[in-house]
Amino acid sequence: MFVRGKVVGKEGVACFEVRKEKGSITLRAEFPDGEQLDYSIDCSCLEPLELVGLLLPAFEDRLGEIEGVFVEEVEEERSVLGRIKELLGKTF
C-alpha cells in the first residue's frame, strides 16, 4: 500500500509518503526547509496513517501547531491472485 499526503502546521507544510510492504512500513517526509524525515519499522501491524499519527509530535516540532493531515493519493497493491480473480470476473 502507498499513501501520499501533507501535514499542515502553522509554520509550514510537510509532504509525506508512506509505503507498507509485507513485513515493514516506511515513511519519508520533506519539510519546507528541505530537511527530510525517514522512518522505517519492521511491523506490518500498523496502517500508513497510524504511523503518520504516531509521528505527529516530530512534525509539530518542525511545523508548529498541526492544523491538519491531508491524504492526496492512496494506492492499494493487489496480489497476483487478486488480479487473476478480477480478470476472470470480467471475462465470465
PDB file of N, CA and C in Angstrom:
ATOM      1  N   MET A   1       0.848  -1.164   0.000  1.00  0.00           N
ATOM      2  CA  MET A   1       0.000   0.000   0.000  1.00  0.00           C
ATOM      3  C   MET A   1       0.902   1.238   0.000  1.00  0.00           C
ATOM      4  N   PHE A   2       0.458   2.261  -0.679  1.00  0.00           N
ATOM      5  CA  PHE A   2       1.199   3.509  -0.794  1.00  0.00           C
ATOM      6  C   PHE A   2       0.250   4.663  -0.500  1.00  0.00           C
ATOM      7  N   VAL A   3       0.664   5.579   0.378  1.00  0.00           N
ATOM      8  CA  VAL A   3      -0.146   6.749   0.720  1.00  0.00           C
ATOM      9  C   VAL A   3       0.731   7.987   0.604  1.00  0.00           C
ATOM     10  N   ARG A   4       0.190   9.012  -0.048  1.00  0.00           N
ATOM     11  CA  ARG A   4       0.894  10.290  -0.190  1.00  0.00           C
ATOM     12  C   ARG A   4      -0.023  11.391   0.338  1.00  0.00           C
ATOM     13  N   GLY A   5       0.573  12.365   1.049  1.00  0.00           N
ATOM     14  CA  GLY A   5      -0.241  13.448   1.572  1.00  0.00           C
ATOM     15  C   GLY A   5       0.602  14.571   2.136  1.00  0.00           C
ATOM     16  N   LYS A   6      -0.050  15.426   2.951  1.00  0.00           N
ATOM     17  CA  LYS A   6       0.597  16.602   3.536  1.00  0.00           C
ATOM     18  C   LYS A   6       0.164  16.757   4.985  1.00  0.00           C
ATOM     19  N   VAL A   7       1.100  17.235   5.788  1.00  0.00           N
ATOM     20  CA  VAL A   7       0.796  17.648   7.153  1.00  0.00           C
ATOM     21  C   VAL A   7       0.945  19.165   7.167  1.00  0.00           C
ATOM     22  N   VAL A   8      -0.120  19.849   7.557  1.00  0.00           N
ATOM     23  CA  VAL A   8      -0.133  21.306   7.551  1.00  0.00           C
ATOM     24  C   VAL A   8      -0.013  21.810   8.984  1.00  0.00           C
ATOM     25  N   GLY A   9       0.980  22.655   9.209  1.00  0.00           N
ATOM     26  CA  GLY A   9       1.179  23.275  10.510  1.00  0.00           C
ATOM     27  C   GLY A   9       1.132  24.782  10.380  1.00  0.00           C
ATOM     28  N   LYS A  10       1.152  25.462  11.501  1.00  0.00           N
ATOM     29  CA  LYS A  10       1.095  26.934  11.480  1.00  0.00           C
ATOM     30  C   LYS A  10       2.312  27.557  10.803  1.00  0.00           C
ATOM     31  N   GLU A  11       3.446  26.837  10.805  1.00  0.00           N
ATOM     32  CA  GLU A  11       4.671  27.403  10.251  1.00  0.00           C
ATOM     33  C   GLU A  11       5.094  26.774   8.925  1.00  0.00           C
ATOM     34  N   GLY A  12       4.250  25.935   8.344  1.00  0.00           N
ATOM     35  CA  GLY A  12       4.607  25.348   7.060  1.00  0.00           C
ATOM     36  C   GLY A  12       3.885  24.044   6.772  1.00  0.00           C
ATOM     37  N   VAL A  13       4.244  23.464   5.639  1.00  0.00           N
ATOM     38  CA  VAL A  13       3.623  22.230   5.163  1.00  0.00           C
ATOM     39  C   VAL A  13       4.715  21.212   4.865  1.00  0.00           C
ATOM     40  N   ALA A  14       4.498  19.981   5.321  1.00  0.00           N
ATOM     41  CA  ALA A  14       5.429  18.889   5.030  1.00  0.00           C
ATOM     42  C   ALA A  14       4.701  17.845   4.185  1.00  0.00           C
ATOM     43  N   CYS A  15       5.315  17.448   3.090  1.00  0.00           N
ATOM     44  CA  CYS A  15       4.767  16.395   2.243  1.00  0.00           C
ATOM     45  C   CYS A  15       5.306  15.059   2.743  1.00  0.00           C
ATOM     46  N   PHE A  16       4.451  14.024   2.717  1.00  0.00           N
ATOM     47  CA  PHE A  16       4.902  12.717   3.172  1.00  0.00           C
ATOM     48  C   PHE A  16       4.458  11.624   2.220  1.00  0.00           C
ATOM     49  N   GLU A  17       5.200  10.524   2.258  1.00  0.00           N
ATOM     50  CA  GLU A  17       4.862   9.301   1.540  1.00  0.00           C
ATOM     51  C   GLU A  17       5.075   8.145   2.499  1.00  0.00           C
ATOM     52  N   VAL A  18       4.114   7.229   2.551  1.00  0.00           N
ATOM     53  CA  VAL A  18       4.229   6.049   3.393  1.00  0.00           C
ATOM     54  C   VAL A  18       4.023   4.828   2.513  1.00  0.00           C
ATOM     55  N   ARG A  19       4.920   3.865   2.633  1.00  0.00           N
ATOM     56  CA  ARG A  19       4.819   2.626   1.871  1.00  0.00           C
ATOM     57  C   ARG A  19       4.767   1.464   2.849  1.00  0.00           C
ATOM     58  N   LYS A  20       3.709   0.649   2.725  1.00  0.00           N
ATOM     59  CA  LYS A  20       3.555  -0.535   3.561  1.00  0.00           C
ATOM     60  C   LYS A  20       3.787  -1.753   2.688  1.00  0.00           C
ATOM     61  N   GLU A  21       4.734  -2.582   3.112  1.00  0.00           N
ATOM     62  CA  GLU A  21       5.029  -3.816   2.403  1.00  0.00           C
ATOM     63  C   GLU A  21       4.806  -4.970   3.364  1.00  0.00           C
ATOM     64  N   LYS A  22       5.096  -6.187   2.936  1.00  0.00           N
ATOM     65  CA  LYS A  22       4.788  -7.364   3.744  1.00  0.00           C
ATOM     66  C   LYS A  22       5.239  -7.274   5.191  1.00  0.00           C
ATOM     67  N   GLY A  23       6.497  -7.003   5.445  1.00  0.00           N
ATOM     68  CA  GLY A  23       6.993  -7.040   6.815  1.00  0.00           C
ATOM     69  C   GLY A  23       7.394  -5.708   7.391  1.00  0.00           C
ATOM     70  N   SER A  24       7.151  -4.609   6.665  1.00  0.00           N
ATOM     71  CA  SER A  24       7.618  -3.318   7.165  1.00  0.00           C
ATOM     72  C   SER A  24       6.751  -2.173   6.661  1.00  0.00           C
ATOM     73  N   ILE A  25       6.975  -1.026   7.258  1.00  0.00           N
ATOM     74  CA  ILE A  25       6.298   0.191   6.834  1.00  0.00           C
ATOM     75  C   ILE A  25       7.324   1.324   6.914  1.00  0.00           C
ATOM     76  N   THR A  26       7.362   2.164   5.873  1.00  0.00           N
ATOM     77  CA  THR A  26       8.372   3.214   5.755  1.00  0.00           C
ATOM     78  C   THR A  26       7.705   4.551   5.479  1.00  0.00           C
ATOM     79  N   LEU A  27       8.168   5.591   6.185  1.00  0.00           N
ATOM     80  CA  LEU A  27       7.662   6.942   5.985  1.00  0.00           C
ATOM     81  C   LEU A  27       8.826   7.839   5.569  1.00  0.00           C
ATOM     82  N   ARG A  28       8.560   8.671   4.594  1.00  0.00           N
ATOM     83  CA  ARG A  28       9.526   9.700   4.183  1.00  0.00           C
ATOM     84  C   ARG A  28       8.751  11.014   4.101  1.00  0.00           C
ATOM     85  N   ALA A  29       9.279  12.025   4.780  1.00  0.00           N
ATOM     86  CA  ALA A  29       8.633  13.342   4.778  1.00  0.00           C
ATOM     87  C   ALA A  29       9.671  14.400   4.435  1.00  0.00           C
ATOM     88  N   GLU A  30       9.222  15.434   3.738  1.00  0.00           N
ATOM     89  CA  GLU A  30      10.101  16.560   3.405  1.00  0.00           C
ATOM     90  C   GLU A  30       9.495  17.837   3.969  1.00  0.00           C
ATOM     91  N   PHE A  31      10.305  18.554   4.719  1.00  0.00           N
ATOM     92  CA  PHE A  31       9.863  19.776   5.377  1.00  0.00           C
ATOM     93  C   PHE A  31      10.194  20.998   4.523  1.00  0.00           C
ATOM     94  N   PRO A  32       9.567  22.143   4.813  1.00  0.00           N
ATOM     95  CA  PRO A  32       9.756  23.336   3.987  1.00  0.00           C
ATOM     96  C   PRO A  32      11.213  23.778   3.852  1.00  0.00           C
ATOM     97  N   ASP A  33      12.036  23.506   4.864  1.00  0.00           N
ATOM     98  CA  ASP A  33      13.441  23.920   4.804  1.00  0.00           C
ATOM     99  C   ASP A  33      14.312  22.929   4.029  1.00  0.00           C
ATOM    100  N   GLY A  34      13.701  21.895   3.452  1.00  0.00           N
ATOM    101  CA  GLY A  34      14.429  20.901   2.673  1.00  0.00           C
ATOM    102  C   GLY A  34      14.903  19.713   3.490  1.00  0.00           C
ATOM    103  N   GLU A  35      14.778  19.798   4.794  1.00  0.00           N
ATOM    104  CA  GLU A  35      15.175  18.692   5.666  1.00  0.00           C
ATOM    105  C   GLU A  35      14.197  17.527   5.501  1.00  0.00           C
ATOM    106  N   GLN A  36      14.707  16.301   5.627  1.00  0.00           N
ATOM    107  CA  GLN A  36      13.864  15.119   5.456  1.00  0.00           C
ATOM    108  C   GLN A  36      13.778  14.323   6.743  1.00  0.00           C
ATOM    109  N   LEU A  37      12.669  13.628   6.882  1.00  0.00           N
ATOM    110  CA  LEU A  37      12.464  12.674   7.962  1.00  0.00           C
ATOM    111  C   LEU A  37      12.244  11.318   7.314  1.00  0.00           C
ATOM    112  N   ASP A  38      13.104  10.365   7.622  1.00  0.00           N
ATOM    113  CA  ASP A  38      12.959   8.995   7.135  1.00  0.00           C
ATOM    114  C   ASP A  38      12.768   8.103   8.350  1.00  0.00           C
ATOM    115  N   TYR A  39      11.721   7.289   8.321  1.00  0.00           N
ATOM    116  CA  TYR A  39      11.446   6.397   9.440  1.00  0.00           C
ATOM    117  C   TYR A  39      10.947   5.079   8.889  1.00  0.00           C
ATOM    118  N   SER A  40      11.486   4.001   9.419  1.00  0.00           N
ATOM    119  CA  SER A  40      11.094   2.677   8.968  1.00  0.00           C
ATOM    120  C   SER A  40      10.976   1.765  10.183  1.00  0.00           C
ATOM    121  N   ILE A  41       9.991   0.878  10.161  1.00  0.00           N
ATOM    122  CA  ILE A  41       9.795  -0.054  11.258  1.00  0.00           C
ATOM    123  C   ILE A  41       9.395  -1.413  10.677  1.00  0.00           C
ATOM    124  N   ASP A  42       9.936  -2.456  11.272  1.00  0.00           N
ATOM    125  CA  ASP A  42       9.606  -3.813  10.840  1.00  0.00           C
ATOM    126  C   ASP A  42       8.365  -4.288  11.585  1.00  0.00           C
ATOM    127  N   CYS A  43       7.219  -3.784  11.153  1.00  0.00           N
ATOM    128  CA  CYS A  43       5.944  -4.127  11.788  1.00  0.00           C
ATOM    129  C   CYS A  43       4.851  -3.934  10.744  1.00  0.00           C
ATOM    130  N   SER A  44       4.220  -5.008  10.374  1.00  0.00           N
ATOM    131  CA  SER A  44       3.154  -4.884   9.375  1.00  0.00           C
ATOM    132  C   SER A  44       1.795  -4.663  10.039  1.00  0.00           C
ATOM    133  N   CYS A  45       1.778  -4.509  11.369  1.00  0.00           N
ATOM    134  CA  CYS A  45       0.510  -4.342  12.074  1.00  0.00           C
ATOM    135  C   CYS A  45      -0.014  -2.906  11.995  1.00  0.00           C
ATOM    136  N   LEU A  46       0.838  -1.941  11.679  1.00  0.00           N
ATOM    137  CA  LEU A  46       0.409  -0.546  11.567  1.00  0.00           C
ATOM    138  C   LEU A  46      -0.087  -0.237  10.168  1.00  0.00           C
ATOM    139  N   GLU A  47      -1.066   0.631  10.086  1.00  0.00           N
ATOM    140  CA  GLU A  47      -1.529   1.157   8.807  1.00  0.00           C
ATOM    141  C   GLU A  47      -0.774   2.468   8.545  1.00  0.00           C
ATOM    142  N   PRO A  48      -0.664   2.880   7.285  1.00  0.00           N
ATOM    143  CA  PRO A  48       0.116   4.084   6.965  1.00  0.00           C
ATOM    144  C   PRO A  48      -0.279   5.330   7.749  1.00  0.00           C
ATOM    145  N   LEU A  49      -1.556   5.601   7.870  1.00  0.00           N
ATOM    146  CA  LEU A  49      -1.959   6.818   8.585  1.00  0.00           C
ATOM    147  C   LEU A  49      -1.772   6.684  10.086  1.00  0.00           C
ATOM    148  N   GLU A  50      -1.760   5.471  10.604  1.00  0.00           N
ATOM    149  CA  GLU A  50      -1.448   5.273  12.021  1.00  0.00           C
ATOM    150  C   GLU A  50      -0.001   5.677  12.291  1.00  0.00           C
ATOM    151  N   LEU A  51       0.899   5.325  11.383  1.00  0.00           N
ATOM    152  CA  LEU A  51       2.296   5.712  11.535  1.00  0.00           C
ATOM    153  C   LEU A  51       2.446   7.228  11.477  1.00  0.00           C
ATOM    154  N   VAL A  52       1.748   7.872  10.563  1.00  0.00           N
ATOM    155  CA  VAL A  52       1.784   9.338  10.489  1.00  0.00           C
ATOM    156  C   VAL A  52       1.296   9.924  11.817  1.00  0.00           C
ATOM    157  N   GLY A  53       0.230   9.372  12.353  1.00  0.00           N
ATOM    158  CA  GLY A  53      -0.306   9.847  13.630  1.00  0.00           C
ATOM    159  C   GLY A  53       0.684   9.692  14.775  1.00  0.00           C
ATOM    160  N   LEU A  54       1.395   8.572  14.793  1.00  0.00           N
ATOM    161  CA  LEU A  54       2.388   8.352  15.846  1.00  0.00           C
ATOM    162  C   LEU A  54       3.558   9.336  15.739  1.00  0.00           C
ATOM    163  N   LEU A  55       3.846   9.788  14.541  1.00  0.00           N
ATOM    164  CA  LEU A  55       4.969  10.700  14.328  1.00  0.00           C
ATOM    165  C   LEU A  55       4.561  12.179  14.304  1.00  0.00           C
ATOM    166  N   LEU A  56       3.302  12.477  14.582  1.00  0.00           N
ATOM    167  CA  LEU A  56       2.854  13.880  14.576  1.00  0.00           C
ATOM    168  C   LEU A  56       3.657  14.776  15.528  1.00  0.00           C
ATOM    169  N   PRO A  57       4.103  14.302  16.694  1.00  0.00           N
ATOM    170  CA  PRO A  57       4.941  15.180  17.533  1.00  0.00           C
ATOM    171  C   PRO A  57       6.231  15.625  16.818  1.00  0.00           C
ATOM    172  N   ALA A  58       6.819  14.754  16.005  1.00  0.00           N
ATOM    173  CA  ALA A  58       8.014  15.134  15.244  1.00  0.00           C
ATOM    174  C   ALA A  58       7.669  16.192  14.197  1.00  0.00           C
ATOM    175  N   PHE A  59       6.507  16.056  13.569  1.00  0.00           N
ATOM    176  CA  PHE A  59       6.057  17.066  12.604  1.00  0.00           C
ATOM    177  C   PHE A  59       5.786  18.389  13.327  1.00  0.00           C
ATOM    178  N   GLU A  60       5.156  18.297  14.496  1.00  0.00           N
ATOM    179  CA  GLU A  60       4.800  19.500  15.241  1.00  0.00           C
ATOM    180  C   GLU A  60       6.043  20.271  15.693  1.00  0.00           C
ATOM    181  N   ASP A  61       7.117  19.565  16.028  1.00  0.00           N
ATOM    182  CA  ASP A  61       8.370  20.239  16.413  1.00  0.00           C
ATOM    183  C   ASP A  61       8.888  21.123  15.292  1.00  0.00           C
ATOM    184  N   ARG A  62       8.678  20.712  14.056  1.00  0.00           N
ATOM    185  CA  ARG A  62       9.231  21.452  12.909  1.00  0.00           C
ATOM    186  C   ARG A  62       8.231  22.384  12.243  1.00  0.00           C
ATOM    187  N   LEU A  63       6.925  22.082  12.383  1.00  0.00           N
ATOM    188  CA  LEU A  63       5.902  22.858  11.674  1.00  0.00           C
ATOM    189  C   LEU A  63       5.044  23.729  12.589  1.00  0.00           C
ATOM    190  N   GLY A  64       5.257  23.641  13.881  1.00  0.00           N
ATOM    191  CA  GLY A  64       4.379  24.354  14.804  1.00  0.00           C
ATOM    192  C   GLY A  64       3.093  23.561  14.998  1.00  0.00           C
ATOM    193  N   GLU A  65       2.100  24.189  15.577  1.00  0.00           N
ATOM    194  CA  GLU A  65       0.836  23.512  15.859  1.00  0.00           C
ATOM    195  C   GLU A  65       0.244  22.918  14.569  1.00  0.00           C
ATOM    196  N   ILE A  66      -0.141  21.645  14.628  1.00  0.00           N
ATOM    197  CA  ILE A  66      -0.689  20.956  13.460  1.00  0.00           C
ATOM    198  C   ILE A  66      -2.123  21.405  13.223  1.00  0.00           C
ATOM    199  N   GLU A  67      -2.406  21.814  11.994  1.00  0.00           N
ATOM    200  CA  GLU A  67      -3.749  22.247  11.617  1.00  0.00           C
ATOM    201  C   GLU A  67      -4.515  21.166  10.882  1.00  0.00           C
ATOM    202  N   GLY A  68      -3.800  20.224  10.247  1.00  0.00           N
ATOM    203  CA  GLY A  68      -4.498  19.152   9.538  1.00  0.00           C
ATOM    204  C   GLY A  68      -3.544  18.199   8.850  1.00  0.00           C
ATOM    205  N   VAL A  69      -4.063  17.013   8.566  1.00  0.00           N
ATOM    206  CA  VAL A  69      -3.353  15.999   7.798  1.00  0.00           C
ATOM    207  C   VAL A  69      -4.245  15.668   6.605  1.00  0.00           C
ATOM    208  N   PHE A  70      -3.698  15.785   5.414  1.00  0.00           N
ATOM    209  CA  PHE A  70      -4.479  15.594   4.201  1.00  0.00           C
ATOM    210  C   PHE A  70      -3.868  14.493   3.342  1.00  0.00           C
ATOM    211  N   VAL A  71      -4.713  13.578   2.909  1.00  0.00           N
ATOM    212  CA  VAL A  71      -4.284  12.479   2.049  1.00  0.00           C
ATOM    213  C   VAL A  71      -4.601  12.852   0.614  1.00  0.00           C
ATOM    214  N   GLU A  72      -3.603  12.753  -0.271  1.00  0.00           N
ATOM    215  CA  GLU A  72      -3.777  13.112  -1.674  1.00  0.00           C
ATOM    216  C   GLU A  72      -3.900  11.891  -2.579  1.00  0.00           C
ATOM    217  N   GLU A  73      -3.257  10.786  -2.198  1.00  0.00           N
ATOM    218  CA  GLU A  73      -3.251   9.611  -3.063  1.00  0.00           C
ATOM    219  C   GLU A  73      -3.116   8.350  -2.214  1.00  0.00           C
ATOM    220  N   VAL A  74      -3.908   7.347  -2.548  1.00  0.00           N
ATOM    221  CA  VAL A  74      -3.816   6.032  -1.909  1.00  0.00           C
ATOM    222  C   VAL A  74      -3.769   4.999  -3.014  1.00  0.00           C
ATOM    223  N   GLU A  75      -2.796   4.133  -2.948  1.00  0.00           N
ATOM    224  CA  GLU A  75      -2.637   3.099  -3.964  1.00  0.00           C
ATOM    225  C   GLU A  75      -2.581   1.739  -3.277  1.00  0.00           C
ATOM    226  N   GLU A  76      -3.561   0.918  -3.535  1.00  0.00           N
ATOM    227  CA  GLU A  76      -3.590  -0.442  -2.995  1.00  0.00           C
ATOM    228  C   GLU A  76      -2.816  -1.340  -3.935  1.00  0.00           C
ATOM    229  N   GLU A  77      -1.898  -2.102  -3.381  1.00  0.00           N
ATOM    230  CA  GLU A  77      -1.171  -3.064  -4.193  1.00  0.00           C
ATOM    231  C   GLU A  77      -1.905  -4.395  -4.106  1.00  0.00           C
ATOM    232  N   ARG A  78      -2.311  -4.905  -5.235  1.00  0.00           N
ATOM    233  CA  ARG A  78      -3.067  -6.155  -5.266  1.00  0.00           C
ATOM    234  C   ARG A  78      -2.138  -7.319  -5.548  1.00  0.00           C
ATOM    235  N   SER A  79      -2.500  -8.441  -5.012  1.00  0.00           N
ATOM    236  CA  SER A  79      -1.708  -9.648  -5.243  1.00  0.00           C
ATOM    237  C   SER A  79      -1.979 -10.177  -6.646  1.00  0.00           C
ATOM    238  N   VAL A  80      -1.144 -11.088  -7.088  1.00  0.00           N
ATOM    239  CA  VAL A  80      -1.323 -11.720  -8.399  1.00  0.00           C
ATOM    240  C   VAL A  80      -2.641 -12.473  -8.428  1.00  0.00           C
ATOM    241  N   LEU A  81      -2.963 -13.175  -7.340  1.00  0.00           N
ATOM    242  CA  LEU A  81      -4.224 -13.912  -7.265  1.00  0.00           C
ATOM    243  C   LEU A  81      -5.413 -12.957  -7.381  1.00  0.00           C
ATOM    244  N   GLY A  82      -5.322 -11.797  -6.738  1.00  0.00           N
ATOM    245  CA  GLY A  82      -6.394 -10.807  -6.833  1.00  0.00           C
ATOM    246  C   GLY A  82      -6.581 -10.296  -8.248  1.00  0.00           C
ATOM    247  N   ARG A  83      -5.488 -10.097  -8.963  1.00  0.00           N
ATOM    248  CA  ARG A  83      -5.574  -9.645 -10.357  1.00  0.00           C
ATOM    249  C   ARG A  83      -6.198 -10.713 -11.244  1.00  0.00           C
ATOM    250  N   ILE A  84      -5.825 -11.966 -11.024  1.00  0.00           N
ATOM    251  CA  ILE A  84      -6.399 -13.069 -11.816  1.00  0.00           C
ATOM    252  C   ILE A  84      -7.902 -13.160 -11.574  1.00  0.00           C
ATOM    253  N   LYS A  85      -8.320 -13.066 -10.316  1.00  0.00           N
ATOM    254  CA  LYS A  85      -9.759 -13.103  -9.995  1.00  0.00           C
ATOM    255  C   LYS A  85     -10.498 -11.957 -10.673  1.00  0.00           C
ATOM    256  N   GLU A  86      -9.893 -10.785 -10.687  1.00  0.00           N
ATOM    257  CA  GLU A  86     -10.506  -9.620 -11.329  1.00  0.00           C
ATOM    258  C   GLU A  86     -10.669  -9.848 -12.834  1.00  0.00           C
ATOM    259  N   LEU A  87      -9.635 -10.375 -13.478  1.00  0.00           N
ATOM    260  CA  LEU A  87      -9.701 -10.655 -14.912  1.00  0.00           C
ATOM    261  C   LEU A  87     -10.741 -11.725 -15.224  1.00  0.00           C
ATOM    262  N   LEU A  88     -10.774 -12.777 -14.428  1.00  0.00           N
ATOM    263  CA  LEU A  88     -11.756 -13.832 -14.651  1.00  0.00           C
ATOM    264  C   LEU A  88     -13.176 -13.342 -14.423  1.00  0.00           C
ATOM    265  N   GLY A  89     -13.342 -12.452 -13.467  1.00  0.00           N
ATOM    266  CA  GLY A  89     -14.666 -11.884 -13.203  1.00  0.00           C
ATOM    267  C   GLY A  89     -15.179 -11.063 -14.367  1.00  0.00           C
ATOM    268  N   LYS A  90     -14.292 -10.368 -15.071  1.00  0.00           N
ATOM    269  CA  LYS A  90     -14.693  -9.574 -16.223  1.00  0.00           C
ATOM    270  C   LYS A  90     -14.978 -10.440 -17.436  1.00  0.00           C
ATOM    271  N   THR A  91     -14.298 -11.592 -17.513  1.00  0.00           N
ATOM    272  CA  THR A  91     -14.437 -12.471 -18.667  1.00  0.00           C
ATOM    273  C   THR A  91     -15.752 -13.243 -18.633  1.00  0.00           C
ATOM    274  N   PHE A  92     -16.144 -13.677 -17.445  1.00  0.00           N
ATOM    275  CA  PHE A  92     -17.348 -14.522 -17.338  1.00  0.00           C
ATOM    276  C   PHE A  92     -18.484 -13.787 -16.790  1.00  0.00           C
TER     277      PHE A  92
END
